[in-house]
Every structure is written in structure tokens, then in C-alpha cells.
């Protein structure tokens, strides 16, 4: 299988006093979570693979060459 590269957004959330990491890809709408960063990214990889198996036409969109995107945060 060829390697794909996707942009992800990772954020830490607290729910019921418990922390978790959420990983999201805006291009596909796929998101997943885990108790720690490594678990969240592994869960996301599995979810994205399942998504691309169900919707193989979406894989073409991810393979298209795109300009690099910088995502950052600014404080006002």
C-alpha cells in the first residue's frame, strides 16, 4: 500500500475531569481519540484506513499534490 500524508489537528480535552487527546483531519472529517497522544494517533490511523476502504474515491483527493498548509494559533 502506498503511503499517504494527511494533516491532523490534535487537541487535549477534559471530560468528567479526565483528559484525552482528540485527533482530527479536516479533509476527510475523520476523527478519533485516546487517553494519550500515541493511542489517539494509532486510533486515528485505524479509523482513517477503515474510512478509505469504505470510500476509496476519497483516497484520490488525499493523493493530489497540495500546497503546504501551516496551522498555528494566535492569541489576542
PDB file of N, CA and C in Angstrom:
ATOM      1  N   UNK A   1       0.844  -1.181   0.000  1.00  0.00           N
ATOM      2  CA  UNK A   1       0.000   0.000   0.000  1.00  0.00           C
ATOM      3  C   UNK A   1       0.892   1.248   0.000  1.00  0.00           C
ATOM      4  N   UNK A   2       0.532   2.189  -0.828  1.00  0.00           N
ATOM      5  CA  UNK A   2       1.308   3.420  -0.893  1.00  0.00           C
ATOM      6  C   UNK A   2       1.074   4.277   0.345  1.00  0.00           C
ATOM      7  N   UNK A   3       2.055   5.074   0.665  1.00  0.00           N
ATOM      8  CA  UNK A   3       1.979   5.933   1.846  1.00  0.00           C
ATOM      9  C   UNK A   3       1.208   7.202   1.526  1.00  0.00           C
ATOM     10  N   UNK A   4       0.333   7.566   2.406  1.00  0.00           N
ATOM     11  CA  UNK A   4      -0.407   8.824   2.296  1.00  0.00           C
ATOM     12  C   UNK A   4       0.026   9.736   3.420  1.00  0.00           C
ATOM     13  N   UNK A   5      -0.071  11.005   3.169  1.00  0.00           N
ATOM     14  CA  UNK A   5       0.254  12.001   4.174  1.00  0.00           C
ATOM     15  C   UNK A   5      -0.971  12.886   4.364  1.00  0.00           C
ATOM     16  N   UNK A   6      -1.398  13.047   5.600  1.00  0.00           N
ATOM     17  CA  UNK A   6      -2.562  13.894   5.879  1.00  0.00           C
ATOM     18  C   UNK A   6      -2.229  14.873   6.998  1.00  0.00           C
ATOM     19  N   UNK A   7      -2.884  16.008   6.955  1.00  0.00           N
ATOM     20  CA  UNK A   7      -2.760  16.989   8.031  1.00  0.00           C
ATOM     21  C   UNK A   7      -3.703  16.592   9.158  1.00  0.00           C
ATOM     22  N   UNK A   8      -3.231  16.728  10.377  1.00  0.00           N
ATOM     23  CA  UNK A   8      -4.098  16.444  11.520  1.00  0.00           C
ATOM     24  C   UNK A   8      -4.063  17.620  12.485  1.00  0.00           C
ATOM     25  N   UNK A   9      -5.136  17.726  13.224  1.00  0.00           N
ATOM     26  CA  UNK A   9      -5.226  18.683  14.321  1.00  0.00           C
ATOM     27  C   UNK A   9      -5.371  17.847  15.590  1.00  0.00           C
ATOM     28  N   UNK A  10      -4.534  18.119  16.567  1.00  0.00           N
ATOM     29  CA  UNK A  10      -4.577  17.388  17.834  1.00  0.00           C
ATOM     30  C   UNK A  10      -4.906  18.380  18.929  1.00  0.00           C
ATOM     31  N   UNK A  11      -5.867  18.020  19.741  1.00  0.00           N
ATOM     32  CA  UNK A  11      -6.179  18.877  20.889  1.00  0.00           C
ATOM     33  C   UNK A  11      -6.436  17.997  22.114  1.00  0.00           C
ATOM     34  N   UNK A  12      -6.124  18.580  23.242  1.00  0.00           N
ATOM     35  CA  UNK A  12      -6.360  17.882  24.503  1.00  0.00           C
ATOM     36  C   UNK A  12      -7.668  18.391  25.086  1.00  0.00           C
ATOM     37  N   UNK A  13      -8.503  17.458  25.511  1.00  0.00           N
ATOM     38  CA  UNK A  13      -9.801  17.823  26.085  1.00  0.00           C
ATOM     39  C   UNK A  13      -9.957  17.160  27.434  1.00  0.00           C
ATOM     40  N   UNK A  14     -10.782  17.759  28.241  1.00  0.00           N
ATOM     41  CA  UNK A  14     -11.103  17.181  29.546  1.00  0.00           C
ATOM     42  C   UNK A  14     -12.595  16.891  29.574  1.00  0.00           C
ATOM     43  N   UNK A  15     -12.931  15.689  29.989  1.00  0.00           N
ATOM     44  CA  UNK A  15     -14.326  15.307  30.119  1.00  0.00           C
ATOM     45  C   UNK A  15     -14.491  14.579  31.448  1.00  0.00           C
ATOM     46  N   UNK A  16     -15.382  15.064  32.267  1.00  0.00           N
ATOM     47  CA  UNK A  16     -15.594  14.491  33.599  1.00  0.00           C
ATOM     48  C   UNK A  16     -14.294  14.413  34.391  1.00  0.00           C
ATOM     49  N   UNK A  17     -13.452  15.452  34.245  1.00  0.00           N
ATOM     50  CA  UNK A  17     -12.192  15.511  34.971  1.00  0.00           C
ATOM     51  C   UNK A  17     -11.109  14.610  34.414  1.00  0.00           C
ATOM     52  N   UNK A  18     -11.400  13.935  33.315  1.00  0.00           N
ATOM     53  CA  UNK A  18     -10.438  13.013  32.702  1.00  0.00           C
ATOM     54  C   UNK A  18      -9.929  13.600  31.398  1.00  0.00           C
ATOM     55  N   UNK A  19      -8.624  13.588  31.200  1.00  0.00           N
ATOM     56  CA  UNK A  19      -8.044  14.136  29.981  1.00  0.00           C
ATOM     57  C   UNK A  19      -8.005  13.114  28.867  1.00  0.00           C
ATOM     58  N   UNK A  20      -8.130  13.600  27.636  1.00  0.00           N
ATOM     59  CA  UNK A  20      -7.990  12.748  26.467  1.00  0.00           C
ATOM     60  C   UNK A  20      -7.481  13.593  25.314  1.00  0.00           C
ATOM     61  N   UNK A  21      -6.924  12.944  24.318  1.00  0.00           N
ATOM     62  CA  UNK A  21      -6.455  13.622  23.120  1.00  0.00           C
ATOM     63  C   UNK A  21      -7.387  13.282  21.971  1.00  0.00           C
ATOM     64  N   UNK A  22      -7.722  14.296  21.173  1.00  0.00           N
ATOM     65  CA  UNK A  22      -8.584  14.122  20.017  1.00  0.00           C
ATOM     66  C   UNK A  22      -7.772  14.486  18.774  1.00  0.00           C
ATOM     67  N   UNK A  23      -7.798  13.605  17.787  1.00  0.00           N
ATOM     68  CA  UNK A  23      -7.090  13.813  16.519  1.00  0.00           C
ATOM     69  C   UNK A  23      -8.132  13.932  15.424  1.00  0.00           C
ATOM     70  N   UNK A  24      -8.007  14.981  14.592  1.00  0.00           N
ATOM     71  CA  UNK A  24      -8.997  15.253  13.558  1.00  0.00           C
ATOM     72  C   UNK A  24      -8.309  15.587  12.245  1.00  0.00           C
ATOM     73  N   UNK A  25      -8.903  15.132  11.134  1.00  0.00           N
ATOM     74  CA  UNK A  25      -8.448  15.513   9.792  1.00  0.00           C
ATOM     75  C   UNK A  25      -9.605  16.223   9.110  1.00  0.00           C
ATOM     76  N   UNK A  26      -9.408  17.500   8.798  1.00  0.00           N
ATOM     77  CA  UNK A  26     -10.461  18.323   8.209  1.00  0.00           C
ATOM     78  C   UNK A  26     -10.830  17.887   6.795  1.00  0.00           C
ATOM     79  N   UNK A  27      -9.874  17.364   6.028  1.00  0.00           N
ATOM     80  CA  UNK A  27     -10.137  16.985   4.638  1.00  0.00           C
ATOM     81  C   UNK A  27     -11.129  15.834   4.522  1.00  0.00           C
ATOM     82  N   UNK A  28     -11.076  14.901   5.459  1.00  0.00           N
ATOM     83  CA  UNK A  28     -11.947  13.731   5.401  1.00  0.00           C
ATOM     84  C   UNK A  28     -13.066  13.770   6.445  1.00  0.00           C
ATOM     85  N   UNK A  29     -12.877  14.563   7.474  1.00  0.00           N
ATOM     86  CA  UNK A  29     -13.853  14.581   8.565  1.00  0.00           C
ATOM     87  C   UNK A  29     -13.647  13.440   9.550  1.00  0.00           C
ATOM     88  N   UNK A  30     -12.565  12.688   9.392  1.00  0.00           N
ATOM     89  CA  UNK A  30     -12.285  11.565  10.283  1.00  0.00           C
ATOM     90  C   UNK A  30     -11.642  12.089  11.563  1.00  0.00           C
ATOM     91  N   UNK A  31     -12.110  11.581  12.689  1.00  0.00           N
ATOM     92  CA  UNK A  31     -11.562  11.953  13.989  1.00  0.00           C
ATOM     93  C   UNK A  31     -11.569  10.724  14.888  1.00  0.00           C
ATOM     94  N   UNK A  32     -10.672  10.714  15.844  1.00  0.00           N
ATOM     95  CA  UNK A  32     -10.652   9.659  16.853  1.00  0.00           C
ATOM     96  C   UNK A  32      -9.957  10.201  18.088  1.00  0.00           C
ATOM     97  N   UNK A  33      -9.919   9.420  19.152  1.00  0.00           N
ATOM     98  CA  UNK A  33      -9.372   9.903  20.414  1.00  0.00           C
ATOM     99  C   UNK A  33      -8.654   8.791  21.149  1.00  0.00           C
ATOM    100  N   UNK A  34      -7.939   9.160  22.208  1.00  0.00           N
ATOM    101  CA  UNK A  34      -7.272   8.198  23.067  1.00  0.00           C
ATOM    102  C   UNK A  34      -6.893   8.840  24.381  1.00  0.00           C
ATOM    103  N   UNK A  35      -6.544   8.005  25.338  1.00  0.00           N
ATOM    104  CA  UNK A  35      -6.165   8.502  26.659  1.00  0.00           C
ATOM    105  C   UNK A  35      -4.831   9.240  26.636  1.00  0.00           C
ATOM    106  N   UNK A  36      -3.964   8.897  25.660  1.00  0.00           N
ATOM    107  CA  UNK A  36      -2.696   9.597  25.494  1.00  0.00           C
ATOM    108  C   UNK A  36      -2.496   9.872  24.007  1.00  0.00           C
ATOM    109  N   UNK A  37      -1.489  10.658  23.677  1.00  0.00           N
ATOM    110  CA  UNK A  37      -1.277  11.078  22.295  1.00  0.00           C
ATOM    111  C   UNK A  37      -1.008   9.891  21.370  1.00  0.00           C
ATOM    112  N   UNK A  38      -0.165   8.982  21.798  1.00  0.00           N
ATOM    113  CA  UNK A  38       0.170   7.825  20.961  1.00  0.00           C
ATOM    114  C   UNK A  38      -1.071   6.987  20.655  1.00  0.00           C
ATOM    115  N   UNK A  39      -1.886   6.738  21.670  1.00  0.00           N
ATOM    116  CA  UNK A  39      -3.112   5.968  21.481  1.00  0.00           C
ATOM    117  C   UNK A  39      -4.078   6.690  20.537  1.00  0.00           C
ATOM    118  N   UNK A  40      -4.199   7.991  20.705  1.00  0.00           N
ATOM    119  CA  UNK A  40      -5.104   8.772  19.862  1.00  0.00           C
ATOM    120  C   UNK A  40      -4.677   8.721  18.393  1.00  0.00           C
ATOM    121  N   UNK A  41      -3.371   8.851  18.136  1.00  0.00           N
ATOM    122  CA  UNK A  41      -2.878   8.810  16.752  1.00  0.00           C
ATOM    123  C   UNK A  41      -3.048   7.407  16.165  1.00  0.00           C
ATOM    124  N   UNK A  42      -2.772   6.368  16.936  1.00  0.00           N
ATOM    125  CA  UNK A  42      -2.972   4.997  16.448  1.00  0.00           C
ATOM    126  C   UNK A  42      -4.446   4.736  16.138  1.00  0.00           C
ATOM    127  N   UNK A  43      -5.329   5.191  17.012  1.00  0.00           N
ATOM    128  CA  UNK A  43      -6.767   5.027  16.774  1.00  0.00           C
ATOM    129  C   UNK A  43      -7.195   5.789  15.520  1.00  0.00           C
ATOM    130  N   UNK A  44      -6.644   6.987  15.342  1.00  0.00           N
ATOM    131  CA  UNK A  44      -6.960   7.776  14.155  1.00  0.00           C
ATOM    132  C   UNK A  44      -6.505   7.056  12.887  1.00  0.00           C
ATOM    133  N   UNK A  45      -5.298   6.509  12.898  1.00  0.00           N
ATOM    134  CA  UNK A  45      -4.797   5.772  11.722  1.00  0.00           C
ATOM    135  C   UNK A  45      -5.748   4.638  11.348  1.00  0.00           C
ATOM    136  N   UNK A  46      -6.185   3.865  12.340  1.00  0.00           N
ATOM    137  CA  UNK A  46      -7.111   2.761  12.086  1.00  0.00           C
ATOM    138  C   UNK A  46      -8.425   3.280  11.503  1.00  0.00           C
ATOM    139  N   UNK A  47      -8.940   4.358  12.066  1.00  0.00           N
ATOM    140  CA  UNK A  47     -10.209   4.922  11.582  1.00  0.00           C
ATOM    141  C   UNK A  47     -10.078   5.445  10.154  1.00  0.00           C
ATOM    142  N   UNK A  48      -8.960   6.106   9.865  1.00  0.00           N
ATOM    143  CA  UNK A  48      -8.754   6.635   8.518  1.00  0.00           C
ATOM    144  C   UNK A  48      -8.630   5.492   7.508  1.00  0.00           C
ATOM    145  N   UNK A  49      -7.918   4.420   7.855  1.00  0.00           N
ATOM    146  CA  UNK A  49      -7.804   3.265   6.958  1.00  0.00           C
ATOM    147  C   UNK A  49      -9.177   2.668   6.674  1.00  0.00           C
ATOM    148  N   UNK A  50     -10.006   2.521   7.699  1.00  0.00           N
ATOM    149  CA  UNK A  50     -11.359   1.992   7.504  1.00  0.00           C
ATOM    150  C   UNK A  50     -12.196   2.921   6.627  1.00  0.00           C
ATOM    151  N   UNK A  51     -12.059   4.206   6.854  1.00  0.00           N
ATOM    152  CA  UNK A  51     -12.782   5.196   6.056  1.00  0.00           C
ATOM    153  C   UNK A  51     -12.389   5.095   4.586  1.00  0.00           C
ATOM    154  N   UNK A  52     -11.084   4.988   4.316  1.00  0.00           N
ATOM    155  CA  UNK A  52     -10.613   4.923   2.935  1.00  0.00           C
ATOM    156  C   UNK A  52     -10.973   3.596   2.263  1.00  0.00           C
ATOM    157  N   UNK A  53     -11.122   2.538   3.046  1.00  0.00           N
ATOM    158  CA  UNK A  53     -11.601   1.268   2.489  1.00  0.00           C
ATOM    159  C   UNK A  53     -13.064   1.398   2.074  1.00  0.00           C
ATOM    160  N   UNK A  54     -13.842   2.112   2.874  1.00  0.00           N
ATOM    161  CA  UNK A  54     -15.264   2.293   2.580  1.00  0.00           C
ATOM    162  C   UNK A  54     -15.487   3.302   1.451  1.00  0.00           C
ATOM    163  N   UNK A  55     -14.613   4.304   1.348  1.00  0.00           N
ATOM    164  CA  UNK A  55     -14.742   5.366   0.342  1.00  0.00           C
ATOM    165  C   UNK A  55     -13.426   5.517  -0.416  1.00  0.00           C
ATOM    166  N   UNK A  56     -13.101   4.566  -1.288  1.00  0.00           N
ATOM    167  CA  UNK A  56     -11.805   4.608  -1.980  1.00  0.00           C
ATOM    168  C   UNK A  56     -11.615   5.843  -2.858  1.00  0.00           C
ATOM    169  N   UNK A  57     -12.693   6.449  -3.309  1.00  0.00           N
ATOM    170  CA  UNK A  57     -12.575   7.664  -4.132  1.00  0.00           C
ATOM    171  C   UNK A  57     -11.984   8.825  -3.335  1.00  0.00           C
ATOM    172  N   UNK A  58     -12.122   8.815  -2.031  1.00  0.00           N
ATOM    173  CA  UNK A  58     -11.556   9.872  -1.183  1.00  0.00           C
ATOM    174  C   UNK A  58     -10.035   9.802  -1.142  1.00  0.00           C
ATOM    175  N   UNK A  59      -9.502   8.612  -1.378  1.00  0.00           N
ATOM    176  CA  UNK A  59      -8.052   8.439  -1.370  1.00  0.00           C
ATOM    177  C   UNK A  59      -7.406   9.297  -2.461  1.00  0.00           C
ATOM    178  N   UNK A  60      -8.078   9.421  -3.602  1.00  0.00           N
ATOM    179  CA  UNK A  60      -7.556  10.237  -4.703  1.00  0.00           C
ATOM    180  C   UNK A  60      -7.386  11.687  -4.262  1.00  0.00           C
ATOM    181  N   UNK A  61      -8.323  12.191  -3.488  1.00  0.00           N
ATOM    182  CA  UNK A  61      -8.230  13.567  -3.000  1.00  0.00           C
ATOM    183  C   UNK A  61      -6.995  13.763  -2.123  1.00  0.00           C
ATOM    184  N   UNK A  62      -6.684  12.777  -1.316  1.00  0.00           N
ATOM    185  CA  UNK A  62      -5.529  12.873  -0.424  1.00  0.00           C
ATOM    186  C   UNK A  62      -4.219  12.745  -1.181  1.00  0.00           C
ATOM    187  N   UNK A  63      -4.253  12.081  -2.335  1.00  0.00           N
ATOM    188  CA  UNK A  63      -3.034  11.866  -3.110  1.00  0.00           C
ATOM    189  C   UNK A  63      -2.696  13.052  -4.007  1.00  0.00           C
ATOM    190  N   UNK A  64      -3.659  13.936  -4.238  1.00  0.00           N
ATOM    191  CA  UNK A  64      -3.406  15.108  -5.064  1.00  0.00           C
ATOM    192  C   UNK A  64      -2.371  16.000  -4.401  1.00  0.00           C
ATOM    193  N   UNK A  65      -1.487  16.550  -5.195  1.00  0.00           N
ATOM    194  CA  UNK A  65      -0.468  17.446  -4.650  1.00  0.00           C
ATOM    195  C   UNK A  65      -1.127  18.739  -4.199  1.00  0.00           C
ATOM    196  N   UNK A  66      -0.825  19.139  -3.001  1.00  0.00           N
ATOM    197  CA  UNK A  66      -1.404  20.360  -2.431  1.00  0.00           C
ATOM    198  C   UNK A  66      -0.288  21.263  -1.948  1.00  0.00           C
ATOM    199  N   UNK A  67      -0.638  22.507  -1.835  1.00  0.00           N
ATOM    200  CA  UNK A  67       0.304  23.434  -1.226  1.00  0.00           C
ATOM    201  C   UNK A  67       0.428  23.087   0.247  1.00  0.00           C
ATOM    202  N   UNK A  68       1.569  23.376   0.817  1.00  0.00           N
ATOM    203  CA  UNK A  68       1.753  23.123   2.245  1.00  0.00           C
ATOM    204  C   UNK A  68       0.876  24.088   3.042  1.00  0.00           C
ATOM    205  N   UNK A  69       0.346  23.579   4.104  1.00  0.00           N
ATOM    206  CA  UNK A  69      -0.529  24.371   4.956  1.00  0.00           C
ATOM    207  C   UNK A  69       0.125  24.510   6.322  1.00  0.00           C
ATOM    208  N   UNK A  70       0.082  25.702   6.856  1.00  0.00           N
ATOM    209  CA  UNK A  70       0.571  25.930   8.205  1.00  0.00           C
ATOM    210  C   UNK A  70      -0.630  26.224   9.082  1.00  0.00           C
ATOM    211  N   UNK A  71      -0.761  25.445  10.111  1.00  0.00           N
ATOM    212  CA  UNK A  71      -1.822  25.686  11.079  1.00  0.00           C
ATOM    213  C   UNK A  71      -1.142  26.137  12.352  1.00  0.00           C
ATOM    214  N   UNK A  72      -1.582  27.252  12.864  1.00  0.00           N
ATOM    215  CA  UNK A  72      -0.971  27.813  14.057  1.00  0.00           C
ATOM    216  C   UNK A  72      -2.050  28.415  14.934  1.00  0.00           C
ATOM    217  N   UNK A  73      -1.662  28.883  16.060  1.00  0.00           N
ATOM    218  CA  UNK A  73      -2.586  29.525  16.980  1.00  0.00           C
ATOM    219  C   UNK A  73      -2.046  30.886  17.326  1.00  0.00           C
ATOM    220  N   UNK A  74      -2.931  31.856  17.349  1.00  0.00           N
ATOM    221  CA  UNK A  74      -2.533  33.206  17.776  1.00  0.00           C
ATOM    222  C   UNK A  74      -3.382  33.582  18.968  1.00  0.00           C
ATOM    223  N   UNK A  75      -2.854  34.423  19.793  1.00  0.00           N
ATOM    224  CA  UNK A  75      -3.549  34.879  20.990  1.00  0.00           C
ATOM    225  C   UNK A  75      -3.837  36.370  20.831  1.00  0.00           C
ATOM    226  N   UNK A  76      -5.031  36.773  21.157  1.00  0.00           N
ATOM    227  CA  UNK A  76      -5.423  38.182  21.071  1.00  0.00           C
ATOM    228  C   UNK A  76      -5.429  38.804  22.456  1.00  0.00           C
TER     229      UNK A  76
END
